């Protein structure tokens, strides 16, 4: 995995809090090698997915509770 691919993985979560911090962490992980970048990218993506799910649980697409 390269840095561009890792950033593309988390791009759908660009509006969420701490997105800029996540991108910075990917840059740091990229300096430590491909394996560390791979681990960091998936860990960050999974964290964003869990956060997005937890804040949108029970809401319709318009953000109104059902």
PDB file of N, CA and C in Angstrom:
ATOM      1  N   UNK A   1       0.856  -1.176   0.000  1.00  0.00           N
ATOM      2  CA  UNK A   1       0.000   0.000   0.000  1.00  0.00           C
ATOM      3  C   UNK A   1       0.896   1.230   0.000  1.00  0.00           C
ATOM      4  N   UNK A   2       0.461   2.236  -0.739  1.00  0.00           N
ATOM      5  CA  UNK A   2       1.202   3.491  -0.744  1.00  0.00           C
ATOM      6  C   UNK A   2       0.353   4.577  -0.080  1.00  0.00           C
ATOM      7  N   UNK A   3       0.957   5.729   0.119  1.00  0.00           N
ATOM      8  CA  UNK A   3       0.294   6.812   0.845  1.00  0.00           C
ATOM      9  C   UNK A   3      -0.955   7.312   0.130  1.00  0.00           C
ATOM     10  N   UNK A   4      -0.901   7.387  -1.177  1.00  0.00           N
ATOM     11  CA  UNK A   4      -2.057   7.871  -1.941  1.00  0.00           C
ATOM     12  C   UNK A   4      -3.247   6.942  -1.740  1.00  0.00           C
ATOM     13  N   UNK A   5      -3.012   5.646  -1.812  1.00  0.00           N
ATOM     14  CA  UNK A   5      -4.087   4.665  -1.628  1.00  0.00           C
ATOM     15  C   UNK A   5      -4.643   4.729  -0.201  1.00  0.00           C
ATOM     16  N   UNK A   6      -3.780   4.921   0.768  1.00  0.00           N
ATOM     17  CA  UNK A   6      -4.214   5.011   2.160  1.00  0.00           C
ATOM     18  C   UNK A   6      -5.101   6.233   2.383  1.00  0.00           C
ATOM     19  N   UNK A   7      -4.736   7.345   1.799  1.00  0.00           N
ATOM     20  CA  UNK A   7      -5.543   8.562   1.946  1.00  0.00           C
ATOM     21  C   UNK A   7      -6.875   8.402   1.219  1.00  0.00           C
ATOM     22  N   UNK A   8      -6.878   7.717   0.083  1.00  0.00           N
ATOM     23  CA  UNK A   8      -8.130   7.459  -0.626  1.00  0.00           C
ATOM     24  C   UNK A   8      -9.070   6.597   0.199  1.00  0.00           C
ATOM     25  N   UNK A   9      -8.521   5.723   1.019  1.00  0.00           N
ATOM     26  CA  UNK A   9      -9.358   4.859   1.871  1.00  0.00           C
ATOM     27  C   UNK A   9     -10.181   5.662   2.869  1.00  0.00           C
ATOM     28  N   UNK A  10      -9.618   6.746   3.373  1.00  0.00           N
ATOM     29  CA  UNK A  10     -10.329   7.510   4.399  1.00  0.00           C
ATOM     30  C   UNK A  10     -10.995   8.768   3.852  1.00  0.00           C
ATOM     31  N   UNK A  11     -10.868   9.023   2.560  1.00  0.00           N
ATOM     32  CA  UNK A  11     -11.456  10.218   1.964  1.00  0.00           C
ATOM     33  C   UNK A  11     -12.969  10.322   2.168  1.00  0.00           C
ATOM     34  N   UNK A  12     -13.753   9.232   2.165  1.00  0.00           N
ATOM     35  CA  UNK A  12     -15.197   9.379   2.397  1.00  0.00           C
ATOM     36  C   UNK A  12     -15.551   9.983   3.754  1.00  0.00           C
ATOM     37  N   UNK A  13     -14.604  10.002   4.671  1.00  0.00           N
ATOM     38  CA  UNK A  13     -14.851  10.511   6.017  1.00  0.00           C
ATOM     39  C   UNK A  13     -14.259  11.900   6.212  1.00  0.00           C
ATOM     40  N   UNK A  14     -14.058  12.614   5.142  1.00  0.00           N
ATOM     41  CA  UNK A  14     -13.371  13.905   5.181  1.00  0.00           C
ATOM     42  C   UNK A  14     -14.051  14.926   6.087  1.00  0.00           C
ATOM     43  N   UNK A  15     -15.350  14.897   6.232  1.00  0.00           N
ATOM     44  CA  UNK A  15     -16.039  15.887   7.048  1.00  0.00           C
ATOM     45  C   UNK A  15     -16.069  15.573   8.537  1.00  0.00           C
ATOM     46  N   UNK A  16     -15.627  14.407   8.914  1.00  0.00           N
ATOM     47  CA  UNK A  16     -15.689  14.016  10.319  1.00  0.00           C
ATOM     48  C   UNK A  16     -14.569  14.664  11.133  1.00  0.00           C
ATOM     49  N   UNK A  17     -14.779  14.761  12.446  1.00  0.00           N
ATOM     50  CA  UNK A  17     -13.732  15.339  13.303  1.00  0.00           C
ATOM     51  C   UNK A  17     -12.433  14.528  13.228  1.00  0.00           C
ATOM     52  N   UNK A  18     -11.337  15.176  13.372  1.00  0.00           N
ATOM     53  CA  UNK A  18      -9.998  14.585  13.429  1.00  0.00           C
ATOM     54  C   UNK A  18      -9.525  14.011  12.098  1.00  0.00           C
ATOM     55  N   UNK A  19     -10.155  14.412  11.000  1.00  0.00           N
ATOM     56  CA  UNK A  19      -9.713  13.911   9.697  1.00  0.00           C
ATOM     57  C   UNK A  19      -8.287  14.368   9.384  1.00  0.00           C
ATOM     58  N   UNK A  20      -7.986  15.624   9.655  1.00  0.00           N
ATOM     59  CA  UNK A  20      -6.649  16.142   9.377  1.00  0.00           C
ATOM     60  C   UNK A  20      -5.597  15.418  10.210  1.00  0.00           C
ATOM     61  N   UNK A  21      -5.933  15.093  11.443  1.00  0.00           N
ATOM     62  CA  UNK A  21      -5.022  14.338  12.305  1.00  0.00           C
ATOM     63  C   UNK A  21      -4.775  12.949  11.738  1.00  0.00           C
ATOM     64  N   UNK A  22      -5.826  12.332  11.206  1.00  0.00           N
ATOM     65  CA  UNK A  22      -5.686  11.004  10.612  1.00  0.00           C
ATOM     66  C   UNK A  22      -4.763  11.042   9.401  1.00  0.00           C
ATOM     67  N   UNK A  23      -4.889  12.066   8.576  1.00  0.00           N
ATOM     68  CA  UNK A  23      -4.018  12.193   7.407  1.00  0.00           C
ATOM     69  C   UNK A  23      -2.571  12.383   7.863  1.00  0.00           C
ATOM     70  N   UNK A  24      -2.378  13.171   8.885  1.00  0.00           N
ATOM     71  CA  UNK A  24      -1.027  13.371   9.416  1.00  0.00           C
ATOM     72  C   UNK A  24      -0.449  12.064   9.946  1.00  0.00           C
ATOM     73  N   UNK A  25      -1.279  11.262  10.604  1.00  0.00           N
ATOM     74  CA  UNK A  25      -0.821   9.971  11.111  1.00  0.00           C
ATOM     75  C   UNK A  25      -0.449   9.024   9.975  1.00  0.00           C
ATOM     76  N   UNK A  26      -1.167   9.114   8.871  1.00  0.00           N
ATOM     77  CA  UNK A  26      -0.814   8.291   7.712  1.00  0.00           C
ATOM     78  C   UNK A  26       0.539   8.712   7.143  1.00  0.00           C
ATOM     79  N   UNK A  27       0.804  10.004   7.153  1.00  0.00           N
ATOM     80  CA  UNK A  27       2.111  10.481   6.683  1.00  0.00           C
ATOM     81  C   UNK A  27       3.224   9.953   7.582  1.00  0.00           C
ATOM     82  N   UNK A  28       2.996   9.954   8.873  1.00  0.00           N
ATOM     83  CA  UNK A  28       4.000   9.442   9.815  1.00  0.00           C
ATOM     84  C   UNK A  28       4.197   7.944   9.606  1.00  0.00           C
ATOM     85  N   UNK A  29       3.103   7.206   9.446  1.00  0.00           N
ATOM     86  CA  UNK A  29       3.190   5.762   9.249  1.00  0.00           C
ATOM     87  C   UNK A  29       3.898   5.424   7.941  1.00  0.00           C
ATOM     88  N   UNK A  30       3.742   6.268   6.937  1.00  0.00           N
ATOM     89  CA  UNK A  30       4.394   6.023   5.650  1.00  0.00           C
ATOM     90  C   UNK A  30       5.910   6.076   5.768  1.00  0.00           C
ATOM     91  N   UNK A  31       6.401   6.857   6.702  1.00  0.00           N
ATOM     92  CA  UNK A  31       7.855   6.933   6.881  1.00  0.00           C
ATOM     93  C   UNK A  31       8.407   5.687   7.564  1.00  0.00           C
ATOM     94  N   UNK A  32       7.534   4.908   8.188  1.00  0.00           N
ATOM     95  CA  UNK A  32       7.962   3.706   8.905  1.00  0.00           C
ATOM     96  C   UNK A  32       7.860   2.444   8.064  1.00  0.00           C
ATOM     97  N   UNK A  33       7.357   2.564   6.840  1.00  0.00           N
ATOM     98  CA  UNK A  33       7.313   1.404   5.955  1.00  0.00           C
ATOM     99  C   UNK A  33       5.906   1.032   5.538  1.00  0.00           C
ATOM    100  N   UNK A  34       5.849   0.149   4.543  1.00  0.00           N
ATOM    101  CA  UNK A  34       4.565  -0.233   3.973  1.00  0.00           C
ATOM    102  C   UNK A  34       3.690  -1.003   4.954  1.00  0.00           C
ATOM    103  N   UNK A  35       4.284  -1.857   5.738  1.00  0.00           N
ATOM    104  CA  UNK A  35       3.494  -2.653   6.687  1.00  0.00           C
ATOM    105  C   UNK A  35       2.829  -1.762   7.725  1.00  0.00           C
ATOM    106  N   UNK A  36       3.575  -0.821   8.263  1.00  0.00           N
ATOM    107  CA  UNK A  36       3.010   0.096   9.255  1.00  0.00           C
ATOM    108  C   UNK A  36       1.945   0.993   8.641  1.00  0.00           C
ATOM    109  N   UNK A  37       2.160   1.437   7.406  1.00  0.00           N
ATOM    110  CA  UNK A  37       1.166   2.252   6.710  1.00  0.00           C
ATOM    111  C   UNK A  37      -0.116   1.456   6.492  1.00  0.00           C
ATOM    112  N   UNK A  38       0.025   0.215   6.099  1.00  0.00           N
ATOM    113  CA  UNK A  38      -1.139  -0.650   5.888  1.00  0.00           C
ATOM    114  C   UNK A  38      -1.935  -0.803   7.170  1.00  0.00           C
ATOM    115  N   UNK A  39      -1.257  -1.086   8.242  1.00  0.00           N
ATOM    116  CA  UNK A  39      -1.929  -1.255   9.543  1.00  0.00           C
ATOM    117  C   UNK A  39      -2.625   0.031   9.979  1.00  0.00           C
ATOM    118  N   UNK A  40      -1.938   1.136   9.843  1.00  0.00           N
ATOM    119  CA  UNK A  40      -2.497   2.425  10.259  1.00  0.00           C
ATOM    120  C   UNK A  40      -3.709   2.800   9.413  1.00  0.00           C
ATOM    121  N   UNK A  41      -3.635   2.578   8.112  1.00  0.00           N
ATOM    122  CA  UNK A  41      -4.740   2.936   7.221  1.00  0.00           C
ATOM    123  C   UNK A  41      -6.002   2.161   7.575  1.00  0.00           C
ATOM    124  N   UNK A  42      -5.870   0.865   7.784  1.00  0.00           N
ATOM    125  CA  UNK A  42      -7.043   0.064   8.131  1.00  0.00           C
ATOM    126  C   UNK A  42      -7.563   0.387   9.526  1.00  0.00           C
ATOM    127  N   UNK A  43      -6.658   0.653  10.461  1.00  0.00           N
ATOM    128  CA  UNK A  43      -7.066   1.006  11.822  1.00  0.00           C
ATOM    129  C   UNK A  43      -7.831   2.327  11.823  1.00  0.00           C
ATOM    130  N   UNK A  44      -7.354   3.304  11.088  1.00  0.00           N
ATOM    131  CA  UNK A  44      -8.012   4.612  11.018  1.00  0.00           C
ATOM    132  C   UNK A  44      -9.349   4.493  10.302  1.00  0.00           C
ATOM    133  N   UNK A  45      -9.377   3.753   9.199  1.00  0.00           N
ATOM    134  CA  UNK A  45     -10.633   3.586   8.472  1.00  0.00           C
ATOM    135  C   UNK A  45     -11.681   2.902   9.347  1.00  0.00           C
ATOM    136  N   UNK A  46     -11.285   1.865  10.061  1.00  0.00           N
ATOM    137  CA  UNK A  46     -12.223   1.165  10.939  1.00  0.00           C
ATOM    138  C   UNK A  46     -12.727   2.065  12.059  1.00  0.00           C
ATOM    139  N   UNK A  47     -11.868   2.929  12.574  1.00  0.00           N
ATOM    140  CA  UNK A  47     -12.287   3.858  13.623  1.00  0.00           C
ATOM    141  C   UNK A  47     -13.302   4.862  13.084  1.00  0.00           C
ATOM    142  N   UNK A  48     -13.072   5.373  11.882  1.00  0.00           N
ATOM    143  CA  UNK A  48     -14.031   6.297  11.279  1.00  0.00           C
ATOM    144  C   UNK A  48     -15.363   5.615  10.998  1.00  0.00           C
ATOM    145  N   UNK A  49     -15.329   4.382  10.545  1.00  0.00           N
ATOM    146  CA  UNK A  49     -16.568   3.643  10.280  1.00  0.00           C
ATOM    147  C   UNK A  49     -17.349   3.460  11.580  1.00  0.00           C
ATOM    148  N   UNK A  50     -16.674   3.073  12.645  1.00  0.00           N
ATOM    149  CA  UNK A  50     -17.346   2.877  13.926  1.00  0.00           C
ATOM    150  C   UNK A  50     -17.930   4.190  14.446  1.00  0.00           C
ATOM    151  N   UNK A  51     -17.191   5.268  14.315  1.00  0.00           N
ATOM    152  CA  UNK A  51     -17.685   6.573  14.763  1.00  0.00           C
ATOM    153  C   UNK A  51     -18.900   7.006  13.950  1.00  0.00           C
ATOM    154  N   UNK A  52     -18.798   6.884  12.638  1.00  0.00           N
ATOM    155  CA  UNK A  52     -19.901   7.292  11.767  1.00  0.00           C
ATOM    156  C   UNK A  52     -21.154   6.478  12.066  1.00  0.00           C
ATOM    157  N   UNK A  53     -20.983   5.193  12.292  1.00  0.00           N
ATOM    158  CA  UNK A  53     -22.120   4.332  12.609  1.00  0.00           C
ATOM    159  C   UNK A  53     -22.744   4.740  13.943  1.00  0.00           C
ATOM    160  N   UNK A  54     -21.907   5.029  14.923  1.00  0.00           N
ATOM    161  CA  UNK A  54     -22.437   5.336  16.252  1.00  0.00           C
ATOM    162  C   UNK A  54     -23.185   6.664  16.292  1.00  0.00           C
ATOM    163  N   UNK A  55     -22.753   7.643  15.511  1.00  0.00           N
ATOM    164  CA  UNK A  55     -23.449   8.930  15.541  1.00  0.00           C
ATOM    165  C   UNK A  55     -24.658   8.960  14.618  1.00  0.00           C
ATOM    166  N   UNK A  56     -24.736   8.034  13.677  1.00  0.00           N
ATOM    167  CA  UNK A  56     -25.871   8.046  12.753  1.00  0.00           C
ATOM    168  C   UNK A  56     -26.845   6.902  13.013  1.00  0.00           C
ATOM    169  N   UNK A  57     -26.636   6.105  14.036  1.00  0.00           N
ATOM    170  CA  UNK A  57     -27.509   4.979  14.333  1.00  0.00           C
ATOM    171  C   UNK A  57     -28.913   5.469  14.667  1.00  0.00           C
ATOM    172  N   UNK A  58     -29.910   4.913  14.009  1.00  0.00           N
ATOM    173  CA  UNK A  58     -31.283   5.261  14.284  1.00  0.00           C
ATOM    174  C   UNK A  58     -31.782   6.490  13.575  1.00  0.00           C
ATOM    175  N   UNK A  59     -30.984   7.065  12.698  1.00  0.00           N
ATOM    176  CA  UNK A  59     -31.403   8.250  11.962  1.00  0.00           C
ATOM    177  C   UNK A  59     -31.653   7.877  10.507  1.00  0.00           C
ATOM    178  N   UNK A  60     -32.586   8.563   9.896  1.00  0.00           N
ATOM    179  CA  UNK A  60     -32.823   8.354   8.467  1.00  0.00           C
ATOM    180  C   UNK A  60     -31.745   9.090   7.680  1.00  0.00           C
ATOM    181  N   UNK A  61     -31.797   9.026   6.381  1.00  0.00           N
ATOM    182  CA  UNK A  61     -30.792   9.678   5.541  1.00  0.00           C
ATOM    183  C   UNK A  61     -30.781  11.190   5.716  1.00  0.00           C
ATOM    184  N   UNK A  62     -31.906  11.775   6.116  1.00  0.00           N
ATOM    185  CA  UNK A  62     -31.980  13.213   6.296  1.00  0.00           C
ATOM    186  C   UNK A  62     -31.491  13.653   7.671  1.00  0.00           C
ATOM    187  N   UNK A  63     -31.113  12.698   8.533  1.00  0.00           N
ATOM    188  CA  UNK A  63     -30.620  13.032   9.856  1.00  0.00           C
ATOM    189  C   UNK A  63     -31.705  13.175  10.898  1.00  0.00           C
ATOM    190  N   UNK A  64     -32.944  12.851  10.544  1.00  0.00           N
ATOM    191  CA  UNK A  64     -34.056  12.951  11.477  1.00  0.00           C
ATOM    192  C   UNK A  64     -34.268  11.576  12.104  1.00  0.00           C
ATOM    193  N   UNK A  65     -34.352  11.490  13.451  1.00  0.00           N
ATOM    194  CA  UNK A  65     -34.576  10.184  14.080  1.00  0.00           C
ATOM    195  C   UNK A  65     -35.883   9.548  13.600  1.00  0.00           C
ATOM    196  N   UNK A  66     -35.836   8.256  13.464  1.00  0.00           N
ATOM    197  CA  UNK A  66     -37.010   7.516  12.993  1.00  0.00           C
ATOM    198  C   UNK A  66     -37.816   6.982  14.153  1.00  0.00           C
TER     199      UNK A  66
END
